Protein backbone atom coordinates (compact mmCIF):
# COMPACT_ATOMS: atom_id res chain seq x y z
CA MET A 1 -20.13 11.21 -10.90
CA THR A 2 -17.79 10.96 -8.83
CA ILE A 3 -18.32 12.75 -5.04
CA VAL A 4 -14.68 14.89 -4.01
CA ILE A 5 -15.13 15.64 -0.41
CA PRO A 6 -12.57 18.28 1.20
CA MET A 7 -11.36 17.38 4.68
CA ARG A 8 -8.04 18.21 4.70
CA GLU A 9 -8.77 20.70 7.79
CA GLY A 10 -9.98 17.58 10.31
CA VAL A 11 -12.83 14.96 10.15
CA GLN A 12 -16.06 16.53 9.30
CA ARG A 13 -18.56 14.32 10.59
CA ASP A 14 -21.63 15.71 8.64
CA LYS A 15 -19.09 15.49 5.05
CA LEU A 16 -18.39 12.63 6.11
CA SER A 17 -21.67 10.82 6.35
CA VAL A 18 -22.72 10.98 3.01
CA ALA A 19 -19.41 8.71 2.15
CA ALA A 20 -20.61 6.88 4.63
CA GLY A 21 -24.29 6.24 3.30
CA ILE A 22 -23.26 5.82 -0.25
CA LEU A 23 -20.39 2.82 1.28
CA ARG A 24 -23.77 1.21 3.31
CA ARG A 25 -25.64 1.52 -0.79
CA GLY A 26 -22.42 -1.23 -1.68
CA GLY A 27 -20.81 1.81 -3.41
CA LEU A 28 -17.02 2.89 -3.46
CA VAL A 29 -15.44 5.39 -1.50
CA ALA A 30 -11.60 6.34 -1.82
CA PHE A 31 -10.24 7.44 1.50
CA PRO A 32 -6.81 8.52 3.24
CA THR A 33 -5.63 6.22 5.92
CA GLU A 34 -2.24 6.33 7.59
CA THR A 35 -0.34 3.99 4.70
CA VAL A 36 -2.22 5.47 0.87
CA TYR A 37 -5.06 5.98 -0.09
CA GLY A 38 -7.49 3.47 -0.21
CA LEU A 39 -10.70 2.28 -2.11
CA GLY A 40 -13.30 1.04 0.20
CA ALA A 41 -16.57 -1.16 -0.37
CA ASP A 42 -18.86 -2.73 2.12
CA ALA A 43 -16.29 -6.03 2.74
CA LEU A 44 -19.31 -8.08 3.43
CA ASN A 45 -21.38 -7.18 0.10
CA GLU A 46 -20.55 -9.08 -2.09
CA SER A 47 -21.69 -6.97 -5.37
CA ALA A 48 -19.69 -4.00 -3.54
CA THR A 49 -16.07 -6.11 -3.45
CA ARG A 50 -17.01 -7.28 -6.67
CA ARG A 51 -16.85 -3.65 -7.98
CA ILE A 52 -13.39 -2.71 -6.80
CA PHE A 53 -11.63 -5.57 -8.26
CA GLU A 54 -13.70 -4.02 -11.76
CA ALA A 55 -12.50 -0.60 -10.96
CA LYS A 56 -9.28 -1.41 -10.30
CA GLY A 57 -8.94 -4.59 -12.98
CA ARG A 58 -7.46 -6.21 -9.88
CA PRO A 59 -7.17 -10.16 -10.91
CA ALA A 60 -10.00 -11.77 -8.94
CA ASP A 61 -7.52 -13.67 -6.58
CA ASN A 62 -5.47 -10.82 -5.09
CA PRO A 63 -7.16 -10.75 -1.33
CA LEU A 64 -7.97 -7.63 -0.70
CA ILE A 65 -7.50 -6.07 3.22
CA VAL A 66 -10.57 -5.42 5.53
CA HIS A 67 -10.64 -1.85 7.30
CA ILE A 68 -12.01 -2.27 10.56
CA ALA A 69 -13.07 0.85 13.60
CA GLU A 70 -13.01 -1.30 16.77
CA VAL A 71 -11.08 -4.43 18.12
CA GLU A 72 -13.90 -6.20 18.62
CA TRP A 73 -15.12 -6.57 14.97
CA LEU A 74 -12.47 -8.98 15.07
CA GLU A 75 -14.21 -12.13 15.34
CA LYS A 76 -17.31 -11.21 12.93
CA LEU A 77 -14.75 -11.73 9.99
CA ALA A 78 -12.04 -14.37 11.71
CA LYS A 79 -13.59 -17.80 13.07
CA GLU A 80 -10.11 -18.27 15.33
CA VAL A 81 -8.88 -15.51 16.88
CA PRO A 82 -5.58 -16.80 18.55
CA GLU A 83 -3.77 -14.85 21.70
CA LYS A 84 -1.15 -13.59 19.46
CA ALA A 85 -3.58 -11.71 17.13
CA TRP A 86 -4.79 -10.21 20.52
CA GLU A 87 -1.50 -8.90 21.20
CA LEU A 88 -1.01 -7.38 18.82
CA ALA A 89 -4.51 -5.86 18.20
CA GLU A 90 -3.54 -4.64 21.79
CA LYS A 91 0.22 -2.83 21.00
CA PHE A 92 -0.04 -1.72 17.78
CA TRP A 93 -3.30 -1.44 16.44
CA PRO A 94 -4.80 1.39 15.45
CA GLY A 95 -2.06 1.33 13.20
CA PRO A 96 0.15 -0.18 9.38
CA LEU A 97 -0.50 -3.49 10.32
CA THR A 98 -3.05 -6.01 8.22
CA ILE A 99 -3.58 -9.61 10.52
CA VAL A 100 -4.03 -12.90 8.25
CA LEU A 101 -6.91 -15.38 10.58
CA PRO A 102 -8.73 -18.25 8.84
CA ALA A 103 -12.17 -16.37 7.43
CA ARG A 104 -15.73 -16.50 9.11
CA ASP A 105 -17.92 -18.18 6.11
CA THR A 106 -19.71 -14.76 6.17
CA VAL A 107 -16.54 -13.09 4.50
CA PRO A 108 -17.16 -13.21 0.64
CA ARG A 109 -14.64 -15.40 -1.45
CA THR A 110 -14.69 -11.52 -3.32
CA THR A 111 -12.93 -9.89 -0.69
CA THR A 112 -10.51 -12.66 0.57
CA GLY A 113 -9.61 -13.68 -3.19
CA GLY A 114 -11.26 -17.11 -2.87
CA LEU A 115 -9.39 -18.56 -0.17
CA ASP A 116 -10.54 -19.14 3.25
CA THR A 117 -8.17 -16.71 5.35
CA VAL A 118 -9.16 -13.18 5.65
CA ALA A 119 -6.78 -9.70 6.33
CA VAL A 120 -7.80 -7.14 8.40
CA ARG A 121 -6.54 -4.43 9.53
CA MET A 122 -7.73 -1.43 11.90
CA PRO A 123 -6.11 2.13 10.38
CA ALA A 124 -4.71 4.78 12.43
CA HIS A 125 -6.04 7.80 10.27
CA PRO A 126 -8.78 9.75 12.48
CA ILE A 127 -10.65 9.89 8.49
CA ALA A 128 -10.86 6.21 7.93
CA LEU A 129 -11.99 5.17 11.49
CA GLU A 130 -14.93 7.51 11.90
CA LEU A 131 -15.82 6.45 8.58
CA ILE A 132 -16.00 2.86 8.75
CA ARG A 133 -17.36 4.15 12.03
CA LEU A 134 -20.65 6.27 10.89
CA SER A 135 -20.97 3.24 7.63
CA ASN A 136 -20.95 0.56 10.69
CA VAL A 137 -20.20 -1.72 7.83
CA PRO A 138 -15.99 -3.46 7.63
CA VAL A 139 -14.66 -1.64 5.02
CA ALA A 140 -12.43 -4.03 2.62
CA ALA A 141 -10.01 -1.35 0.38
CA PRO A 142 -6.84 -2.06 -1.02
CA SER A 143 -5.07 0.56 -2.43
CA ALA A 144 -7.11 3.77 -4.32
CA ASN A 145 -4.98 3.39 -7.82
CA ILE A 146 -5.44 1.03 -11.19
CA SER A 147 -3.16 -2.32 -10.68
CA GLY A 148 0.18 -1.91 -11.39
CA ARG A 149 0.54 2.34 -10.70
CA PRO A 150 1.99 3.63 -7.68
CA SER A 151 0.03 3.79 -5.11
CA PRO A 152 -1.59 6.80 -4.32
CA THR A 153 -1.26 8.52 -1.31
CA SER A 154 -3.08 12.03 -1.65
CA ALA A 155 -6.45 12.71 -3.28
CA ASP A 156 -4.93 14.10 -6.60
CA HIS A 157 -3.14 10.92 -6.85
CA VAL A 158 -6.83 9.05 -6.36
CA ILE A 159 -8.38 11.34 -8.99
CA GLU A 160 -5.85 10.56 -11.64
CA ASP A 161 -6.42 7.25 -11.43
CA PHE A 162 -10.44 7.40 -10.81
CA TYR A 163 -12.68 10.10 -11.28
CA GLY A 164 -15.33 9.63 -13.35
CA LYS A 165 -15.02 5.71 -12.21
CA ILE A 166 -15.97 5.62 -8.58
CA ASP A 167 -19.00 7.49 -6.12
CA CYS A 168 -16.66 9.33 -4.09
CA ILE A 169 -12.75 10.38 -3.60
CA VAL A 170 -13.25 11.91 -0.07
CA ASP A 171 -9.39 14.76 -0.17
CA GLY A 172 -7.51 14.25 3.64
CA GLY A 173 -4.06 15.63 2.13
CA GLU A 174 -1.13 13.77 2.04
CA THR A 175 -0.74 10.12 4.13
CA PRO A 176 2.02 10.36 6.79
CA ILE A 177 3.90 7.26 6.30
CA GLY A 178 3.47 6.54 2.26
CA VAL A 179 3.78 2.87 1.91
CA GLU A 180 1.21 0.58 2.64
CA SER A 181 0.79 -2.07 5.60
CA THR A 182 3.09 -4.48 7.29
CA VAL A 183 0.84 -8.35 6.48
CA ILE A 184 1.69 -10.74 9.27
CA ASP A 185 0.30 -14.01 8.43
CA LEU A 186 -0.52 -16.22 11.48
CA THR A 187 -2.14 -19.18 10.26
CA SER A 188 0.44 -21.08 10.81
CA GLU A 189 2.26 -22.39 13.78
CA VAL A 190 5.11 -19.74 12.95
CA PRO A 191 4.17 -15.98 12.09
CA VAL A 192 5.46 -15.58 8.05
CA LEU A 193 5.48 -12.04 7.40
CA LEU A 194 3.96 -11.37 3.78
CA ARG A 195 4.36 -7.90 3.04
CA PRO A 196 6.77 -5.45 4.99
CA GLY A 197 5.32 -1.93 5.01
CA GLY A 198 4.52 1.09 7.47
CA LEU A 199 5.28 -1.39 10.81
CA PRO A 200 8.84 -2.48 10.88
CA VAL A 201 9.63 -6.48 11.35
CA GLU A 202 11.10 -5.73 14.40
CA GLU A 203 8.51 -4.78 16.21
CA LEU A 204 6.08 -7.50 15.42
CA SER A 205 9.15 -9.90 16.88
CA LYS A 206 9.70 -8.27 20.39
CA VAL A 207 5.68 -9.56 20.54
CA LEU A 208 5.72 -12.04 18.53
CA GLY A 209 10.12 -14.18 18.73
CA GLU A 210 10.75 -15.76 15.69
CA VAL A 211 9.15 -14.60 12.02
CA LEU A 212 9.46 -16.07 8.84
CA ILE A 213 9.74 -14.25 5.78
CA HIS A 214 7.88 -15.08 3.16
CA PRO A 215 9.72 -15.52 -0.22
CA ALA A 216 7.88 -13.55 -1.75
CA VAL A 217 8.87 -10.71 0.20
CA LYS A 218 12.14 -11.36 -1.22
CA GLY A 219 11.08 -11.51 -5.12
CA GLU A 220 10.04 -15.20 -5.25
CA LYS A 221 7.10 -15.95 -7.82
CA VAL A 222 4.32 -17.42 -5.62
CA ASP A 223 0.53 -19.22 -7.31
CA ILE A 224 -1.88 -18.24 -4.77
CA ALA A 225 -1.12 -14.98 -2.86
CA LYS A 226 -1.97 -14.66 0.49
CA SER A 227 -1.78 -11.27 0.70
CA PRO A 228 -1.79 -7.81 -1.66
CA GLY A 229 1.88 -7.28 -3.37
CA MET A 230 2.32 -10.59 -3.69
CA LYS A 231 1.83 -12.04 -6.48
CA TYR A 232 1.44 -9.61 -8.99
CA LYS A 233 2.57 -6.21 -11.21
CA HIS A 234 3.09 -3.97 -8.24
CA TYR A 235 4.18 0.01 -7.96
CA SER A 236 5.27 0.64 -11.37
CA PRO A 237 5.12 4.01 -12.84
CA ASN A 238 5.18 3.93 -17.73
CA ALA A 239 8.77 4.45 -16.99
CA GLN A 240 11.36 2.23 -16.97
CA VAL A 241 12.37 1.98 -13.05
CA ILE A 242 16.40 1.04 -12.48
CA VAL A 243 17.08 0.66 -8.87
CA VAL A 244 20.73 1.04 -7.47
CA GLU A 245 21.45 -0.54 -4.35
CA GLY A 246 24.80 -1.47 -2.28
CA ASN A 247 27.78 0.87 -0.82
CA ARG A 248 26.23 4.46 -0.71
CA GLU A 249 29.41 6.45 -2.00
CA LYS A 250 29.17 3.73 -5.26
CA VAL A 251 25.71 3.48 -5.71
CA GLY A 252 26.42 7.30 -6.28
CA GLU A 253 28.68 6.81 -8.83
CA LYS A 254 26.76 4.53 -10.59
CA ILE A 255 23.45 6.55 -10.98
CA ASP A 256 25.71 9.04 -12.56
CA GLU A 257 27.57 6.30 -14.90
CA LEU A 258 23.66 5.28 -15.86
CA VAL A 259 22.46 8.70 -16.38
CA GLU A 260 25.15 9.61 -18.81
CA GLU A 261 24.66 5.88 -20.29
CA TYR A 262 20.95 6.55 -21.02
CA ARG A 263 20.48 10.69 -21.43
CA LYS A 264 23.58 9.68 -24.58
CA LYS A 265 20.66 7.14 -26.43
CA GLY A 266 19.07 9.91 -26.17
CA PHE A 267 16.26 8.49 -23.42
CA ARG A 268 14.55 11.46 -20.90
CA VAL A 269 16.36 10.07 -17.49
CA GLY A 270 14.92 10.79 -14.02
CA VAL A 271 16.51 10.40 -10.08
CA MET A 272 15.01 9.81 -7.35
CA ALA A 273 17.70 10.04 -4.26
CA THR A 274 18.16 11.80 -1.57
CA GLU A 275 21.37 13.25 -2.63
CA GLU A 276 21.32 15.85 -6.32
CA HIS A 277 22.15 13.87 -9.45
CA ASP A 278 22.36 15.57 -12.95
CA ALA A 279 20.06 14.36 -15.03
CA ASP A 280 16.92 15.68 -16.77
CA GLU A 281 14.86 15.51 -13.99
CA PHE A 282 15.28 14.90 -9.78
CA PHE A 283 13.28 14.30 -6.99
CA TYR A 284 14.57 14.85 -3.45
CA LEU A 285 13.72 11.55 -1.38
CA GLY A 286 14.81 13.15 1.45
CA ASP A 287 17.37 12.68 4.37
CA SER A 288 15.75 9.52 6.54
CA VAL A 289 14.35 6.48 5.55
CA GLU A 290 10.28 7.97 7.24
CA GLU A 291 10.90 10.53 4.42
CA VAL A 292 12.48 8.68 1.44
CA ALA A 293 8.61 6.30 3.10
CA ARG A 294 6.65 9.20 2.96
CA ASN A 295 8.15 10.64 -0.94
CA LEU A 296 8.35 6.62 -2.63
CA PHE A 297 5.27 6.71 -4.73
CA LYS A 298 4.51 10.56 -5.19
CA ALA A 299 7.83 10.59 -6.92
CA LEU A 300 7.28 7.49 -9.11
CA ARG A 301 4.35 9.55 -10.32
CA GLU A 302 5.63 13.09 -10.52
CA LEU A 303 8.50 11.27 -12.78
CA ASP A 304 6.72 9.96 -15.08
CA ARG A 305 4.86 13.29 -15.11
CA ARG A 306 7.14 15.22 -15.88
CA GLY A 307 7.65 13.07 -18.93
CA VAL A 308 10.19 11.19 -18.35
CA ASP A 309 11.59 7.28 -20.28
CA ILE A 310 13.91 5.93 -17.61
CA ILE A 311 13.65 6.33 -13.52
CA VAL A 312 17.16 5.39 -11.91
CA ALA A 313 16.21 5.13 -8.53
CA GLU A 314 19.14 5.12 -4.57
CA GLY A 315 18.37 2.36 -2.76
CA VAL A 316 18.27 2.04 1.35
CA ASP A 317 19.25 0.20 3.80
CA GLU A 318 16.63 -2.36 4.80
CA ARG A 319 16.41 -1.98 8.17
CA GLY A 320 13.26 0.04 10.08
CA LEU A 321 10.68 1.08 6.89
CA GLY A 322 14.09 0.27 5.12
CA MET A 323 12.74 -2.92 3.99
CA ALA A 324 9.18 -2.06 3.40
CA VAL A 325 10.71 0.33 0.64
CA MET A 326 12.92 -1.27 -1.22
CA ASN A 327 9.86 -3.65 -1.73
CA ARG A 328 8.04 -1.45 -3.56
CA LEU A 329 10.97 0.10 -5.59
CA ARG A 330 12.08 -3.44 -6.13
CA LYS A 331 8.27 -4.98 -7.62
CA ALA A 332 8.32 -0.98 -9.19
CA ALA A 333 11.67 -2.07 -11.06
CA GLY A 334 10.49 -5.45 -12.39
CA TYR A 335 13.72 -6.49 -9.81
CA ARG A 336 15.35 -4.84 -12.15
CA VAL A 337 18.59 -3.83 -9.71
CA VAL A 338 22.63 -3.38 -10.17
CA LYS A 339 24.28 -3.95 -6.96
CA VAL A 340 27.90 -1.99 -6.46
């Protein structure tokens, strides 16, 4: 049986202590962060982290991100912490930034996906921070969805995927950012962006100077994934997704063309965009890139729920949060992209 703990009105320590106890005993707890909901387990408990992979159907070589509640915990997980890591932590933690560093031997290789590196972040959500503090263990927590599905931005999404399969779900309402954390690798001479996310790379560059963009960010295949989101299918609904990107006016026209084309073939077509389109189903993404990011996974899940066969999605400018949005959209589409 799965315990669902309502906590939309803010942190309630007595209720959270129940979830913290489950984590300490090796159980699985889904909880909100500022990015998406995470599926948490004690990061230093090998059998507990193995349960994450089993519950999600996640490949064993896809590393987990470890969440901490105090900056000092970083030294318990990483055997080398360069000055740049401390600078990033001081400026951006708590927040949607994950830092990849050499792992201590005490971190199970189930947590690291078999790698000698560990990915660490301090979430900004008050429920997440207090849960980690109360459990007093670093918490490994990938997104709380079945592997390959759109990430969850509400407890309802987690319940849809995991009710009856995990021990506890903490319902903290909808997550404010809506896309996962940015992942930066500091194990090489020049920092490498492994995954764009809730912290724009432009902000990282102000602290780090040069930042290389890993080819996987643009869709190139990799053999070894040092970060979630690099190697495997991600974020995909049941419907086939097509992304249209390019000149804004032409994008709108192309979306209408595709809707007409697929409807003539007998498909139910959904559109997710920042301007309304005549389709079988429509989801308004918002009028800013922040709103689009917040609504992205909700839109994919909702259009699936409405029973469409095809989802035509409007692309956005890749500046700022737009890089993360387009990374997720292209992956959701399996790189079926129409450029105009």
